[in-house]
């Protein structure tokens, strides 16, 4: 796994061992960043389930002004810290070793431009996080929310019940990317 583009381009990242996390495939990551490339520079990004930090660090490398990474796992946070150090992006990245619900409370009044949500599969964390995100003061109809899931049917059922609109959707093997915005 590596940083694809920007300041830290080509930097190989440390990854987590075991089955607790599964990194986003490079082709999925590259496709996602191609889709949103014009929307990254100068943004504040929130990655709620950061894993190794690869997605958030890619945002930082590509010109985001601030990236907030969150992961509840101590092992994940240790790897993220190593990756932040290796990429020299520590002046852009803010790391939280907390549950996503606590981090969402902390960013309630902070303007967030892009939110990336790729929680452990077979959880209801996408639904829970979307419900909380839609209540945040700082989330507007301009905030882009990106979901990654392998359980498209269940997630689509969850999305139907929320005041949110799908603006794009892509499938890469088992991985699905869903791009959303809040409805006024």
C-alpha atoms as a PDB file:
ATOM      1  CA  UNK A   1       0.000   0.000   0.000  1.00  0.00           C
ATOM      2  CA  UNK A   2       1.326   3.415  -0.955  1.00  0.00           C
ATOM      3  CA  UNK A   3       0.428   7.068  -1.396  1.00  0.00           C
ATOM      4  CA  UNK A   4      -0.632   7.471  -5.034  1.00  0.00           C
ATOM      5  CA  UNK A   5      -0.255  11.201  -5.651  1.00  0.00           C
ATOM      6  CA  UNK A   6       0.746  14.559  -4.200  1.00  0.00           C
ATOM      7  CA  UNK A   7       3.445  15.615  -1.722  1.00  0.00           C
ATOM      8  CA  UNK A   8       4.018  12.114  -0.330  1.00  0.00           C
ATOM      9  CA  UNK A   9       3.602  10.303  -3.652  1.00  0.00           C
ATOM     10  CA  UNK A  10       5.152   6.834  -3.735  1.00  0.00           C
ATOM     11  CA  UNK A  11       5.583   6.539   0.037  1.00  0.00           C
ATOM     12  CA  UNK A  12       4.998   2.931   1.085  1.00  0.00           C
ATOM     13  CA  UNK A  13       2.758   2.724   4.121  1.00  0.00           C
ATOM     14  CA  UNK A  14       2.766   0.377   7.068  1.00  0.00           C
ATOM     15  CA  UNK A  15      -0.299  -1.852   7.251  1.00  0.00           C
ATOM     16  CA  UNK A  16      -2.144  -3.655  10.007  1.00  0.00           C
ATOM     17  CA  UNK A  17      -1.682  -7.394  10.356  1.00  0.00           C
ATOM     18  CA  UNK A  18      -4.650  -9.711  10.694  1.00  0.00           C
ATOM     19  CA  UNK A  19      -8.248  -9.674   9.558  1.00  0.00           C
ATOM     20  CA  UNK A  20      -9.573  -6.856  11.750  1.00  0.00           C
ATOM     21  CA  UNK A  21      -9.064  -4.293   9.011  1.00  0.00           C
ATOM     22  CA  UNK A  22      -8.957  -4.608   5.264  1.00  0.00           C
ATOM     23  CA  UNK A  23      -7.229  -1.873   3.337  1.00  0.00           C
ATOM     24  CA  UNK A  24      -9.001  -0.195   0.452  1.00  0.00           C
ATOM     25  CA  UNK A  25      -7.587  -1.680  -2.734  1.00  0.00           C
ATOM     26  CA  UNK A  26      -5.286   0.653  -4.679  1.00  0.00           C
ATOM     27  CA  UNK A  27      -7.559   0.523  -7.736  1.00  0.00           C
ATOM     28  CA  UNK A  28     -10.596   1.518  -5.644  1.00  0.00           C
ATOM     29  CA  UNK A  29      -8.624   4.275  -3.918  1.00  0.00           C
ATOM     30  CA  UNK A  30      -7.243   5.563  -7.204  1.00  0.00           C
ATOM     31  CA  UNK A  31     -10.702   5.580  -8.824  1.00  0.00           C
ATOM     32  CA  UNK A  32     -12.242   7.411  -5.878  1.00  0.00           C
ATOM     33  CA  UNK A  33      -9.544  10.071  -5.921  1.00  0.00           C
ATOM     34  CA  UNK A  34      -9.903  10.491  -9.690  1.00  0.00           C
ATOM     35  CA  UNK A  35     -13.632  11.136  -9.225  1.00  0.00           C
ATOM     36  CA  UNK A  36     -13.130  13.802  -6.515  1.00  0.00           C
ATOM     37  CA  UNK A  37      -9.688  15.161  -7.479  1.00  0.00           C
ATOM     38  CA  UNK A  38     -10.988  18.678  -8.183  1.00  0.00           C
ATOM     39  CA  UNK A  39     -12.658  18.895  -4.747  1.00  0.00           C
ATOM     40  CA  UNK A  40      -9.703  18.149  -2.440  1.00  0.00           C
ATOM     41  CA  UNK A  41      -7.363  21.157  -2.280  1.00  0.00           C
ATOM     42  CA  UNK A  42      -7.984  23.336   0.774  1.00  0.00           C
ATOM     43  CA  UNK A  43     -10.599  21.068   2.329  1.00  0.00           C
ATOM     44  CA  UNK A  44     -11.105  19.663   5.801  1.00  0.00           C
ATOM     45  CA  UNK A  45     -11.549  15.890   5.652  1.00  0.00           C
ATOM     46  CA  UNK A  46     -12.828  13.455   8.286  1.00  0.00           C
ATOM     47  CA  UNK A  47     -11.967   9.741   8.020  1.00  0.00           C
ATOM     48  CA  UNK A  48     -14.042   8.034  10.706  1.00  0.00           C
ATOM     49  CA  UNK A  49     -12.584   4.519  10.559  1.00  0.00           C
ATOM     50  CA  UNK A  50      -9.016   5.231   9.502  1.00  0.00           C
ATOM     51  CA  UNK A  51      -7.387   1.785   9.783  1.00  0.00           C
ATOM     52  CA  UNK A  52      -3.810   2.389   8.578  1.00  0.00           C
ATOM     53  CA  UNK A  53      -4.596   6.014   7.723  1.00  0.00           C
ATOM     54  CA  UNK A  54      -4.012   5.439   3.999  1.00  0.00           C
ATOM     55  CA  UNK A  55      -7.141   7.240   2.757  1.00  0.00           C
ATOM     56  CA  UNK A  56      -6.744  10.252   5.047  1.00  0.00           C
ATOM     57  CA  UNK A  57      -3.039  10.524   4.278  1.00  0.00           C
ATOM     58  CA  UNK A  58      -3.838  10.407   0.564  1.00  0.00           C
ATOM     59  CA  UNK A  59      -6.172  13.389   1.092  1.00  0.00           C
ATOM     60  CA  UNK A  60      -3.409  15.214   2.989  1.00  0.00           C
ATOM     61  CA  UNK A  61      -0.854  14.422   0.284  1.00  0.00           C
ATOM     62  CA  UNK A  62      -3.215  15.757  -2.394  1.00  0.00           C
ATOM     63  CA  UNK A  63      -3.707  19.156  -0.780  1.00  0.00           C
ATOM     64  CA  UNK A  64      -6.364  18.936   1.936  1.00  0.00           C
ATOM     65  CA  UNK A  65      -5.652  21.650   4.519  1.00  0.00           C
ATOM     66  CA  UNK A  66      -6.697  19.466   7.462  1.00  0.00           C
ATOM     67  CA  UNK A  67      -7.378  15.740   7.832  1.00  0.00           C
ATOM     68  CA  UNK A  68      -9.010  14.328  10.951  1.00  0.00           C
ATOM     69  CA  UNK A  69      -8.388  10.610  11.405  1.00  0.00           C
ATOM     70  CA  UNK A  70     -10.320   8.486  13.875  1.00  0.00           C
ATOM     71  CA  UNK A  71      -9.834   4.898  14.896  1.00  0.00           C
ATOM     72  CA  UNK A  72     -10.831   3.138  18.094  1.00  0.00           C
ATOM     73  CA  UNK A  73      -8.045   0.538  17.852  1.00  0.00           C
ATOM     74  CA  UNK A  74      -4.752   1.213  19.644  1.00  0.00           C
ATOM     75  CA  UNK A  75      -2.946  -0.994  17.091  1.00  0.00           C
ATOM     76  CA  UNK A  76      -4.410   1.025  14.228  1.00  0.00           C
ATOM     77  CA  UNK A  77      -3.422   4.319  15.849  1.00  0.00           C
ATOM     78  CA  UNK A  78       0.153   3.072  16.335  1.00  0.00           C
ATOM     79  CA  UNK A  79       0.345   2.234  12.599  1.00  0.00           C
ATOM     80  CA  UNK A  80      -1.258   5.564  11.649  1.00  0.00           C
ATOM     81  CA  UNK A  81       1.315   7.435  13.749  1.00  0.00           C
ATOM     82  CA  UNK A  82       4.124   5.594  11.935  1.00  0.00           C
ATOM     83  CA  UNK A  83       2.541   6.452   8.584  1.00  0.00           C
ATOM     84  CA  UNK A  84       2.085  10.110   9.518  1.00  0.00           C
ATOM     85  CA  UNK A  85       5.746  10.266  10.465  1.00  0.00           C
ATOM     86  CA  UNK A  86       6.840   8.469   7.296  1.00  0.00           C
ATOM     87  CA  UNK A  87       4.829  10.789   5.021  1.00  0.00           C
ATOM     88  CA  UNK A  88       5.833  13.982   6.895  1.00  0.00           C
ATOM     89  CA  UNK A  89       2.196  15.127   6.898  1.00  0.00           C
ATOM     90  CA  UNK A  90       1.916  15.642  10.671  1.00  0.00           C
ATOM     91  CA  UNK A  91       1.202  19.384  10.282  1.00  0.00           C
ATOM     92  CA  UNK A  92      -2.011  18.540   8.392  1.00  0.00           C
ATOM     93  CA  UNK A  93      -3.245  15.450  10.243  1.00  0.00           C
ATOM     94  CA  UNK A  94      -5.120  15.320  13.556  1.00  0.00           C
ATOM     95  CA  UNK A  95      -5.436  11.808  14.995  1.00  0.00           C
ATOM     96  CA  UNK A  96      -8.018  10.572  17.513  1.00  0.00           C
ATOM     97  CA  UNK A  97      -7.835   7.192  19.242  1.00  0.00           C
ATOM     98  CA  UNK A  98     -11.522   7.208  20.140  1.00  0.00           C
ATOM     99  CA  UNK A  99     -14.885   5.831  19.173  1.00  0.00           C
ATOM    100  CA  UNK A 100     -16.351   7.549  16.099  1.00  0.00           C
ATOM    101  CA  UNK A 101     -19.303   8.867  18.138  1.00  0.00           C
ATOM    102  CA  UNK A 102     -16.952  10.820  20.429  1.00  0.00           C
ATOM    103  CA  UNK A 103     -15.052  12.293  17.494  1.00  0.00           C
ATOM    104  CA  UNK A 104     -18.300  13.385  15.839  1.00  0.00           C
ATOM    105  CA  UNK A 105     -19.205  15.260  19.039  1.00  0.00           C
ATOM    106  CA  UNK A 106     -15.806  17.000  18.960  1.00  0.00           C
ATOM    107  CA  UNK A 107     -16.128  18.167  15.334  1.00  0.00           C
ATOM    108  CA  UNK A 108     -19.735  19.322  15.690  1.00  0.00           C
ATOM    109  CA  UNK A 109     -18.941  22.990  15.027  1.00  0.00           C
ATOM    110  CA  UNK A 110     -16.040  22.456  12.634  1.00  0.00           C
ATOM    111  CA  UNK A 111     -16.691  22.875   8.905  1.00  0.00           C
ATOM    112  CA  UNK A 112     -16.081  19.481   7.310  1.00  0.00           C
ATOM    113  CA  UNK A 113     -15.931  19.356   3.509  1.00  0.00           C
ATOM    114  CA  UNK A 114     -15.468  15.615   2.921  1.00  0.00           C
ATOM    115  CA  UNK A 115     -16.288  12.650   5.163  1.00  0.00           C
ATOM    116  CA  UNK A 116     -15.025   9.161   4.364  1.00  0.00           C
ATOM    117  CA  UNK A 117     -16.736   6.208   6.049  1.00  0.00           C
ATOM    118  CA  UNK A 118     -15.362   2.693   5.654  1.00  0.00           C
ATOM    119  CA  UNK A 119     -16.116   0.865   8.914  1.00  0.00           C
ATOM    120  CA  UNK A 120     -15.548  -2.792   9.669  1.00  0.00           C
ATOM    121  CA  UNK A 121     -17.924  -4.831   7.519  1.00  0.00           C
ATOM    122  CA  UNK A 122     -20.952  -6.503   9.082  1.00  0.00           C
ATOM    123  CA  UNK A 123     -21.539  -3.613  11.492  1.00  0.00           C
ATOM    124  CA  UNK A 124     -24.254  -0.969  11.500  1.00  0.00           C
ATOM    125  CA  UNK A 125     -21.652   1.798  11.877  1.00  0.00           C
ATOM    126  CA  UNK A 126     -22.497   3.353   8.496  1.00  0.00           C
ATOM    127  CA  UNK A 127     -26.109   3.855   9.556  1.00  0.00           C
ATOM    128  CA  UNK A 128     -25.115   5.076  13.026  1.00  0.00           C
ATOM    129  CA  UNK A 129     -22.487   7.483  11.720  1.00  0.00           C
ATOM    130  CA  UNK A 130     -24.756   8.909   8.997  1.00  0.00           C
ATOM    131  CA  UNK A 131     -27.530   9.554  11.535  1.00  0.00           C
ATOM    132  CA  UNK A 132     -25.072  11.445  13.748  1.00  0.00           C
ATOM    133  CA  UNK A 133     -23.394  13.285  10.854  1.00  0.00           C
ATOM    134  CA  UNK A 134     -26.717  14.628   9.586  1.00  0.00           C
ATOM    135  CA  UNK A 135     -27.277  16.262  12.999  1.00  0.00           C
ATOM    136  CA  UNK A 136     -23.942  18.117  12.969  1.00  0.00           C
ATOM    137  CA  UNK A 137     -24.126  21.912  12.785  1.00  0.00           C
ATOM    138  CA  UNK A 138     -21.213  22.080  10.364  1.00  0.00           C
ATOM    139  CA  UNK A 139     -22.540  19.661   7.741  1.00  0.00           C
ATOM    140  CA  UNK A 140     -24.167  21.351   4.756  1.00  0.00           C
ATOM    141  CA  UNK A 141     -25.497  20.230   1.395  1.00  0.00           C
ATOM    142  CA  UNK A 142     -21.957  20.927   0.094  1.00  0.00           C
ATOM    143  CA  UNK A 143     -20.338  18.336   2.376  1.00  0.00           C
ATOM    144  CA  UNK A 144     -19.444  15.231   0.379  1.00  0.00           C
ATOM    145  CA  UNK A 145     -19.902  11.952   2.236  1.00  0.00           C
ATOM    146  CA  UNK A 146     -18.222   8.878   0.760  1.00  0.00           C
ATOM    147  CA  UNK A 147     -19.137   5.372   1.894  1.00  0.00           C
ATOM    148  CA  UNK A 148     -17.273   2.165   1.123  1.00  0.00           C
ATOM    149  CA  UNK A 149     -19.151  -1.094   1.660  1.00  0.00           C
ATOM    150  CA  UNK A 150     -19.473  -4.657   0.431  1.00  0.00           C
ATOM    151  CA  UNK A 151     -23.101  -4.859   1.640  1.00  0.00           C
ATOM    152  CA  UNK A 152     -24.768  -2.555  -0.873  1.00  0.00           C
ATOM    153  CA  UNK A 153     -28.335  -3.807  -0.402  1.00  0.00           C
ATOM    154  CA  UNK A 154     -28.393  -3.224   3.359  1.00  0.00           C
ATOM    155  CA  UNK A 155     -26.660   0.149   3.108  1.00  0.00           C
ATOM    156  CA  UNK A 156     -29.061   1.329   0.385  1.00  0.00           C
ATOM    157  CA  UNK A 157     -31.985   0.403   2.648  1.00  0.00           C
ATOM    158  CA  UNK A 158     -30.403   2.450   5.459  1.00  0.00           C
ATOM    159  CA  UNK A 159     -29.799   5.444   3.176  1.00  0.00           C
ATOM    160  CA  UNK A 160     -33.428   5.460   1.944  1.00  0.00           C
ATOM    161  CA  UNK A 161     -34.585   6.391   5.431  1.00  0.00           C
ATOM    162  CA  UNK A 162     -32.294   9.426   5.764  1.00  0.00           C
ATOM    163  CA  UNK A 163     -32.392  12.976   4.398  1.00  0.00           C
ATOM    164  CA  UNK A 164     -29.520  12.278   2.056  1.00  0.00           C
ATOM    165  CA  UNK A 165     -29.068  12.068  -1.706  1.00  0.00           C
ATOM    166  CA  UNK A 166     -26.823   9.752  -3.716  1.00  0.00           C
ATOM    167  CA  UNK A 167     -24.827  11.788  -6.240  1.00  0.00           C
ATOM    168  CA  UNK A 168     -22.647   8.965  -7.588  1.00  0.00           C
ATOM    169  CA  UNK A 169     -22.151   5.256  -7.074  1.00  0.00           C
ATOM    170  CA  UNK A 170     -19.414   2.895  -8.306  1.00  0.00           C
ATOM    171  CA  UNK A 171     -18.722  -0.832  -7.965  1.00  0.00           C
ATOM    172  CA  UNK A 172     -15.249  -2.407  -7.948  1.00  0.00           C
ATOM    173  CA  UNK A 173     -15.525  -6.145  -7.399  1.00  0.00           C
ATOM    174  CA  UNK A 174     -17.048  -6.527  -3.917  1.00  0.00           C
ATOM    175  CA  UNK A 175     -16.317  -2.918  -2.971  1.00  0.00           C
ATOM    176  CA  UNK A 176     -18.958  -0.262  -3.542  1.00  0.00           C
ATOM    177  CA  UNK A 177     -18.355   3.480  -3.296  1.00  0.00           C
ATOM    178  CA  UNK A 178     -21.393   5.651  -2.628  1.00  0.00           C
ATOM    179  CA  UNK A 179     -21.110   9.447  -2.807  1.00  0.00           C
ATOM    180  CA  UNK A 180     -23.760  11.333  -0.825  1.00  0.00           C
ATOM    181  CA  UNK A 181     -24.834  14.846   0.087  1.00  0.00           C
ATOM    182  CA  UNK A 182     -27.273  16.079   2.711  1.00  0.00           C
ATOM    183  CA  UNK A 183     -30.691  17.221   1.545  1.00  0.00           C
ATOM    184  CA  UNK A 184     -31.831  20.611   2.911  1.00  0.00           C
END
